[in-house]
PDB file of all heavy atoms in Angstrom:
ATOM      1  N   PHE A   1      43.047-126.751 157.781  1.00  0.00           N
ATOM      2  CA  PHE A   1      42.709-125.813 158.901  1.00  0.00           C
ATOM      3  C   PHE A   1      41.248-126.016 159.355  1.00  0.00           C
ATOM      4  O   PHE A   1      40.392-126.399 158.559  1.00  0.00           O
ATOM      5  CB  PHE A   1      42.932-124.349 158.450  1.00  0.00           C
ATOM      6  CG  PHE A   1      44.353-124.045 158.035  1.00  0.00           C
ATOM      7  CD1 PHE A   1      44.762-124.323 156.731  1.00  0.00           C
ATOM      8  CD2 PHE A   1      45.230-123.513 158.911  1.00  0.00           C
ATOM      9  CE1 PHE A   1      46.054-124.038 156.348  1.00  0.00           C
ATOM     10  CE2 PHE A   1      46.508-123.247 158.553  1.00  0.00           C
ATOM     11  CZ  PHE A   1      46.970-123.516 157.273  1.00  0.00           C
ATOM     12  N   ASP A   2      41.005-125.778 160.596  1.00  0.00           N
ATOM     13  CA  ASP A   2      39.695-125.875 161.193  1.00  0.00           C
ATOM     14  C   ASP A   2      38.812-124.769 160.592  1.00  0.00           C
ATOM     15  O   ASP A   2      39.029-123.594 160.843  1.00  0.00           O
ATOM     16  CB  ASP A   2      39.778-125.731 162.708  1.00  0.00           C
ATOM     17  CG  ASP A   2      38.441-125.938 163.409  1.00  0.00           C
ATOM     18  OD1 ASP A   2      37.395-126.005 162.710  1.00  0.00           O
ATOM     19  OD2 ASP A   2      38.394-125.991 164.630  1.00  0.00           O
ATOM     20  N   GLY A   3      37.845-125.210 159.799  1.00  0.00           N
ATOM     21  CA  GLY A   3      36.932-124.245 159.157  1.00  0.00           C
ATOM     22  C   GLY A   3      36.183-123.396 160.127  1.00  0.00           C
ATOM     23  O   GLY A   3      35.839-122.215 159.813  1.00  0.00           O
ATOM     24  N   ASN A   4      35.891-123.890 161.335  1.00  0.00           N
ATOM     25  CA  ASN A   4      35.179-123.090 162.355  1.00  0.00           C
ATOM     26  C   ASN A   4      36.045-121.990 162.951  1.00  0.00           C
ATOM     27  O   ASN A   4      35.513-121.133 163.593  1.00  0.00           O
ATOM     28  CB  ASN A   4      34.666-124.035 163.443  1.00  0.00           C
ATOM     29  CG  ASN A   4      33.660-124.984 162.923  1.00  0.00           C
ATOM     30  OD1 ASN A   4      32.733-124.609 162.215  1.00  0.00           O
ATOM     31  ND2 ASN A   4      33.763-126.265 163.348  1.00  0.00           N
ATOM     32  N   ALA A   5      37.385-122.036 162.683  1.00  0.00           N
ATOM     33  CA  ALA A   5      38.270-121.085 163.326  1.00  0.00           C
ATOM     34  C   ALA A   5      38.865-120.165 162.271  1.00  0.00           C
ATOM     35  O   ALA A   5      39.631-119.218 162.631  1.00  0.00           O
ATOM     36  CB  ALA A   5      39.380-121.791 164.095  1.00  0.00           C
ATOM     37  N   ILE A   6      38.496-120.278 161.052  1.00  0.00           N
ATOM     38  CA  ILE A   6      39.069-119.462 160.004  1.00  0.00           C
ATOM     39  C   ILE A   6      38.797-118.029 160.149  1.00  0.00           C
ATOM     40  O   ILE A   6      39.631-117.124 159.816  1.00  0.00           O
ATOM     41  CB  ILE A   6      38.593-119.933 158.602  1.00  0.00           C
ATOM     42  CG1 ILE A   6      39.156-121.288 158.199  1.00  0.00           C
ATOM     43  CG2 ILE A   6      38.867-118.920 157.497  1.00  0.00           C
ATOM     44  CD1 ILE A   6      40.623-121.330 158.069  1.00  0.00           C
ATOM     45  N   TYR A   7      37.703-117.634 160.780  1.00  0.00           N
ATOM     46  CA  TYR A   7      37.356-116.233 161.031  1.00  0.00           C
ATOM     47  C   TYR A   7      38.454-115.537 161.856  1.00  0.00           C
ATOM     48  O   TYR A   7      38.575-114.302 161.846  1.00  0.00           O
ATOM     49  CB  TYR A   7      35.974-116.090 161.688  1.00  0.00           C
ATOM     50  CG  TYR A   7      35.976-116.484 163.154  1.00  0.00           C
ATOM     51  CD1 TYR A   7      36.110-115.505 164.134  1.00  0.00           C
ATOM     52  CD2 TYR A   7      35.811-117.791 163.549  1.00  0.00           C
ATOM     53  CE1 TYR A   7      36.095-115.876 165.500  1.00  0.00           C
ATOM     54  CE2 TYR A   7      35.755-118.162 164.872  1.00  0.00           C
ATOM     55  CZ  TYR A   7      35.956-117.205 165.867  1.00  0.00           C
ATOM     56  OH  TYR A   7      35.915-117.549 167.172  1.00  0.00           O
ATOM     57  N   ARG A   8      39.215-116.296 162.610  1.00  0.00           N
ATOM     58  CA  ARG A   8      40.286-115.735 163.463  1.00  0.00           C
ATOM     59  C   ARG A   8      41.554-115.508 162.682  1.00  0.00           C
ATOM     60  O   ARG A   8      42.490-114.911 163.241  1.00  0.00           O
ATOM     61  CB  ARG A   8      40.546-116.663 164.624  1.00  0.00           C
ATOM     62  CG  ARG A   8      39.332-116.952 165.494  1.00  0.00           C
ATOM     63  CD  ARG A   8      39.710-117.429 166.889  1.00  0.00           C
ATOM     64  NE  ARG A   8      40.490-118.655 166.930  1.00  0.00           N
ATOM     65  CZ  ARG A   8      40.632-119.348 168.064  1.00  0.00           C
ATOM     66  NH1 ARG A   8      40.091-118.930 169.152  1.00  0.00           N
ATOM     67  NH2 ARG A   8      41.363-120.491 168.020  1.00  0.00           N
ATOM     68  N   HIS A   9      41.616-115.970 161.442  1.00  0.00           N
ATOM     69  CA  HIS A   9      42.900-115.931 160.656  1.00  0.00           C
ATOM     70  C   HIS A   9      42.628-115.405 159.292  1.00  0.00           C
ATOM     71  O   HIS A   9      42.476-116.186 158.314  1.00  0.00           O
ATOM     72  CB  HIS A   9      43.530-117.349 160.587  1.00  0.00           C
ATOM     73  CG  HIS A   9      43.670-118.022 161.937  1.00  0.00           C
ATOM     74  ND1 HIS A   9      44.718-117.642 162.778  1.00  0.00           N
ATOM     75  CD2 HIS A   9      42.948-118.942 162.514  1.00  0.00           C
ATOM     76  CE1 HIS A   9      44.561-118.410 163.905  1.00  0.00           C
ATOM     77  NE2 HIS A   9      43.523-119.166 163.749  1.00  0.00           N
ATOM     78  N   THR A  10      42.613-114.097 159.133  1.00  0.00           N
ATOM     79  CA  THR A  10      42.381-113.522 157.834  1.00  0.00           C
ATOM     80  C   THR A  10      43.487-113.859 156.843  1.00  0.00           C
ATOM     81  O   THR A  10      43.217-113.984 155.658  1.00  0.00           O
ATOM     82  CB  THR A  10      42.220-111.961 157.897  1.00  0.00           C
ATOM     83  OG1 THR A  10      43.405-111.458 158.565  1.00  0.00           O
ATOM     84  CG2 THR A  10      40.966-111.570 158.704  1.00  0.00           C
ATOM     85  N   ASP A  11      44.703-114.024 157.347  1.00  0.00           N
ATOM     86  CA  ASP A  11      45.794-114.398 156.482  1.00  0.00           C
ATOM     87  C   ASP A  11      45.639-115.788 155.853  1.00  0.00           C
ATOM     88  O   ASP A  11      45.993-115.968 154.704  1.00  0.00           O
ATOM     89  CB  ASP A  11      47.138-114.319 157.239  1.00  0.00           C
ATOM     90  CG  ASP A  11      47.193-115.249 158.455  1.00  0.00           C
ATOM     91  OD1 ASP A  11      46.112-115.506 159.045  1.00  0.00           O
ATOM     92  OD2 ASP A  11      48.293-115.710 158.862  1.00  0.00           O
ATOM     93  N   ILE A  12      45.028-116.687 156.629  1.00  0.00           N
ATOM     94  CA  ILE A  12      44.806-118.042 156.095  1.00  0.00           C
ATOM     95  C   ILE A  12      43.594-118.027 155.132  1.00  0.00           C
ATOM     96  O   ILE A  12      43.621-118.661 154.112  1.00  0.00           O
ATOM     97  CB  ILE A  12      44.577-119.012 157.229  1.00  0.00           C
ATOM     98  CG1 ILE A  12      45.792-119.090 158.184  1.00  0.00           C
ATOM     99  CG2 ILE A  12      44.257-120.419 156.697  1.00  0.00           C
ATOM    100  CD1 ILE A  12      47.106-119.515 157.492  1.00  0.00           C
ATOM    101  N   SER A  13      42.527-117.369 155.501  1.00  0.00           N
ATOM    102  CA  SER A  13      41.316-117.326 154.720  1.00  0.00           C
ATOM    103  C   SER A  13      41.561-116.702 153.353  1.00  0.00           C
ATOM    104  O   SER A  13      40.956-117.114 152.350  1.00  0.00           O
ATOM    105  CB  SER A  13      40.176-116.522 155.409  1.00  0.00           C
ATOM    106  OG  SER A  13      40.537-115.175 155.588  1.00  0.00           O
ATOM    107  N   GLU A  14      42.540-115.848 153.235  1.00  0.00           N
ATOM    108  CA  GLU A  14      42.891-115.263 151.952  1.00  0.00           C
ATOM    109  C   GLU A  14      43.585-116.258 151.050  1.00  0.00           C
ATOM    110  O   GLU A  14      43.711-116.035 149.816  1.00  0.00           O
ATOM    111  CB  GLU A  14      43.826-114.047 152.154  1.00  0.00           C
ATOM    112  CG  GLU A  14      43.129-112.797 152.757  1.00  0.00           C
ATOM    113  CD  GLU A  14      44.065-111.726 153.162  1.00  0.00           C
ATOM    114  OE1 GLU A  14      45.333-111.962 153.060  1.00  0.00           O
ATOM    115  OE2 GLU A  14      43.651-110.690 153.629  1.00  0.00           O
ATOM    116  N   LEU A  15      44.029-117.378 151.586  1.00  0.00           N
ATOM    117  CA  LEU A  15      44.768-118.398 150.777  1.00  0.00           C
ATOM    118  C   LEU A  15      43.737-119.375 150.161  1.00  0.00           C
ATOM    119  O   LEU A  15      44.140-120.247 149.361  1.00  0.00           O
ATOM    120  CB  LEU A  15      45.687-119.222 151.674  1.00  0.00           C
ATOM    121  CG  LEU A  15      46.791-118.415 152.397  1.00  0.00           C
ATOM    122  CD1 LEU A  15      47.644-119.310 153.251  1.00  0.00           C
ATOM    123  CD2 LEU A  15      47.686-117.648 151.399  1.00  0.00           C
ATOM    124  N   ARG A  16      42.456-119.240 150.473  1.00  0.00           N
ATOM    125  CA  ARG A  16      41.452-120.145 149.958  1.00  0.00           C
ATOM    126  C   ARG A  16      41.339-120.119 148.427  1.00  0.00           C
ATOM    127  O   ARG A  16      41.227-119.046 147.837  1.00  0.00           O
ATOM    128  CB  ARG A  16      40.107-119.862 150.576  1.00  0.00           C
ATOM    129  CG  ARG A  16      38.976-120.829 150.239  1.00  0.00           C
ATOM    130  CD  ARG A  16      37.688-120.415 150.887  1.00  0.00           C
ATOM    131  NE  ARG A  16      36.639-121.445 150.733  1.00  0.00           N
ATOM    132  CZ  ARG A  16      35.397-121.310 151.205  1.00  0.00           C
ATOM    133  NH1 ARG A  16      35.078-120.287 151.934  1.00  0.00           N
ATOM    134  NH2 ARG A  16      34.496-122.251 150.924  1.00  0.00           N
ATOM    135  N   ASP A  17      41.391-121.267 147.813  1.00  0.00           N
ATOM    136  CA  ASP A  17      41.265-121.391 146.355  1.00  0.00           C
ATOM    137  C   ASP A  17      39.983-122.021 146.057  1.00  0.00           C
ATOM    138  O   ASP A  17      39.767-123.228 146.131  1.00  0.00           O
ATOM    139  CB  ASP A  17      42.429-122.182 145.779  1.00  0.00           C
ATOM    140  CG  ASP A  17      42.400-122.289 144.249  1.00  0.00           C
ATOM    141  OD1 ASP A  17      41.488-121.678 143.628  1.00  0.00           O
ATOM    142  OD2 ASP A  17      43.235-122.960 143.650  1.00  0.00           O
ATOM    143  N   THR A  18      38.957-121.163 145.711  1.00  0.00           N
ATOM    144  CA  THR A  18      37.610-121.696 145.485  1.00  0.00           C
ATOM    145  C   THR A  18      37.475-122.522 144.241  1.00  0.00           C
ATOM    146  O   THR A  18      36.549-123.305 144.089  1.00  0.00           O
ATOM    147  CB  THR A  18      36.613-120.487 145.398  1.00  0.00           C
ATOM    148  OG1 THR A  18      37.044-119.576 144.386  1.00  0.00           O
ATOM    149  CG2 THR A  18      36.527-119.776 146.746  1.00  0.00           C
ATOM    150  N   THR A  19      38.497-122.422 143.269  1.00  0.00           N
ATOM    151  CA  THR A  19      38.406-123.259 142.083  1.00  0.00           C
ATOM    152  C   THR A  19      38.664-124.716 142.410  1.00  0.00           C
ATOM    153  O   THR A  19      38.373-125.582 141.564  1.00  0.00           O
ATOM    154  CB  THR A  19      39.476-122.765 141.068  1.00  0.00           C
ATOM    155  OG1 THR A  19      40.791-122.935 141.569  1.00  0.00           O
ATOM    156  CG2 THR A  19      39.246-121.320 140.676  1.00  0.00           C
ATOM    157  N   GLU A  20      39.231-124.982 143.566  1.00  0.00           N
ATOM    158  CA  GLU A  20      39.508-126.371 143.984  1.00  0.00           C
ATOM    159  C   GLU A  20      38.350-127.012 144.684  1.00  0.00           C
ATOM    160  O   GLU A  20      38.399-128.176 145.049  1.00  0.00           O
ATOM    161  CB  GLU A  20      40.734-126.404 144.884  1.00  0.00           C
ATOM    162  CG  GLU A  20      42.053-126.110 144.214  1.00  0.00           C
ATOM    163  CD  GLU A  20      42.504-127.276 143.279  1.00  0.00           C
ATOM    164  OE1 GLU A  20      42.296-128.433 143.620  1.00  0.00           O
ATOM    165  OE2 GLU A  20      43.037-126.995 142.224  1.00  0.00           O
ATOM    166  N   GLU A  21      37.298-126.240 144.962  1.00  0.00           N
ATOM    167  CA  GLU A  21      36.192-126.730 145.736  1.00  0.00           C
ATOM    168  C   GLU A  21      34.959-127.088 144.826  1.00  0.00           C
ATOM    169  O   GLU A  21      34.830-126.533 143.792  1.00  0.00           O
ATOM    170  CB  GLU A  21      35.774-125.708 146.769  1.00  0.00           C
ATOM    171  CG  GLU A  21      36.858-125.404 147.830  1.00  0.00           C
ATOM    172  CD  GLU A  21      36.438-124.297 148.783  1.00  0.00           C
ATOM    173  OE1 GLU A  21      35.264-124.250 149.133  1.00  0.00           O
ATOM    174  OE2 GLU A  21      37.314-123.513 149.173  1.00  0.00           O
ATOM    175  N   ASP A  22      34.163-127.976 145.282  1.00  0.00           N
ATOM    176  CA  ASP A  22      32.942-128.311 144.598  1.00  0.00           C
ATOM    177  C   ASP A  22      32.023-127.066 144.589  1.00  0.00           C
ATOM    178  O   ASP A  22      31.716-126.490 145.632  1.00  0.00           O
ATOM    179  CB  ASP A  22      32.230-129.502 145.332  1.00  0.00           C
ATOM    180  CG  ASP A  22      31.011-129.971 144.570  1.00  0.00           C
ATOM    181  OD1 ASP A  22      30.069-129.162 144.415  1.00  0.00           O
ATOM    182  OD2 ASP A  22      30.963-131.175 144.196  1.00  0.00           O
ATOM    183  N   PRO A  23      31.577-126.644 143.376  1.00  0.00           N
ATOM    184  CA  PRO A  23      30.734-125.414 143.314  1.00  0.00           C
ATOM    185  C   PRO A  23      29.537-125.471 144.179  1.00  0.00           C
ATOM    186  O   PRO A  23      29.105-124.439 144.732  1.00  0.00           O
ATOM    187  CB  PRO A  23      30.386-125.324 141.800  1.00  0.00           C
ATOM    188  CG  PRO A  23      31.449-126.113 141.119  1.00  0.00           C
ATOM    189  CD  PRO A  23      31.817-127.194 142.097  1.00  0.00           C
ATOM    190  N   LYS A  24      28.937-126.669 144.311  1.00  0.00           N
ATOM    191  CA  LYS A  24      27.711-126.793 145.149  1.00  0.00           C
ATOM    192  C   LYS A  24      28.049-126.596 146.631  1.00  0.00           C
ATOM    193  O   LYS A  24      27.328-125.946 147.361  1.00  0.00           O
ATOM    194  CB  LYS A  24      27.051-128.133 144.894  1.00  0.00           C
ATOM    195  CG  LYS A  24      26.567-128.337 143.438  1.00  0.00           C
ATOM    196  CD  LYS A  24      25.792-129.638 143.258  1.00  0.00           C
ATOM    197  CE  LYS A  24      26.715-130.873 143.434  1.00  0.00           C
ATOM    198  NZ  LYS A  24      27.804-130.956 142.392  1.00  0.00           N
ATOM    199  N   GLU A  25      29.169-127.185 147.041  1.00  0.00           N
ATOM    200  CA  GLU A  25      29.602-127.040 148.412  1.00  0.00           C
ATOM    201  C   GLU A  25      29.980-125.606 148.750  1.00  0.00           C
ATOM    202  O   GLU A  25      29.734-125.106 149.819  1.00  0.00           O
ATOM    203  CB  GLU A  25      30.736-127.959 148.716  1.00  0.00           C
ATOM    204  CG  GLU A  25      30.398-129.458 148.699  1.00  0.00           C
ATOM    205  CD  GLU A  25      31.548-130.403 148.995  1.00  0.00           C
ATOM    206  OE1 GLU A  25      32.578-129.906 149.520  1.00  0.00           O
ATOM    207  OE2 GLU A  25      31.443-131.609 148.741  1.00  0.00           O
ATOM    208  N   LEU A  26      30.580-124.925 147.761  1.00  0.00           N
ATOM    209  CA  LEU A  26      30.934-123.540 147.907  1.00  0.00           C
ATOM    210  C   LEU A  26      29.727-122.653 148.092  1.00  0.00           C
ATOM    211  O   LEU A  26      29.629-121.778 148.949  1.00  0.00           O
ATOM    212  CB  LEU A  26      31.769-123.054 146.686  1.00  0.00           C
ATOM    213  CG  LEU A  26      32.365-121.685 146.730  1.00  0.00           C
ATOM    214  CD1 LEU A  26      33.289-121.479 147.883  1.00  0.00           C
ATOM    215  CD2 LEU A  26      33.060-121.348 145.430  1.00  0.00           C
ATOM    216  N   GLU A  27      28.716-122.910 147.230  1.00  0.00           N
ATOM    217  CA  GLU A  27      27.468-122.184 147.312  1.00  0.00           C
ATOM    218  C   GLU A  27      26.769-122.473 148.614  1.00  0.00           C
ATOM    219  O   GLU A  27      26.220-121.501 149.239  1.00  0.00           O
ATOM    220  CB  GLU A  27      26.527-122.599 146.150  1.00  0.00           C
ATOM    221  CG  GLU A  27      25.310-121.733 146.016  1.00  0.00           C
ATOM    222  CD  GLU A  27      25.571-120.342 145.585  1.00  0.00           C
ATOM    223  OE1 GLU A  27      26.668-120.039 145.089  1.00  0.00           O
ATOM    224  OE2 GLU A  27      24.633-119.487 145.780  1.00  0.00           O
TER     225      GLU A  27
END
């Protein structure tokens, strides 16, 4: 999904799994 448009889709943003992301990129 387009990260710049996630704010328009709360249902999609809730699916984000931060454990799959690089901790530095997440920070």
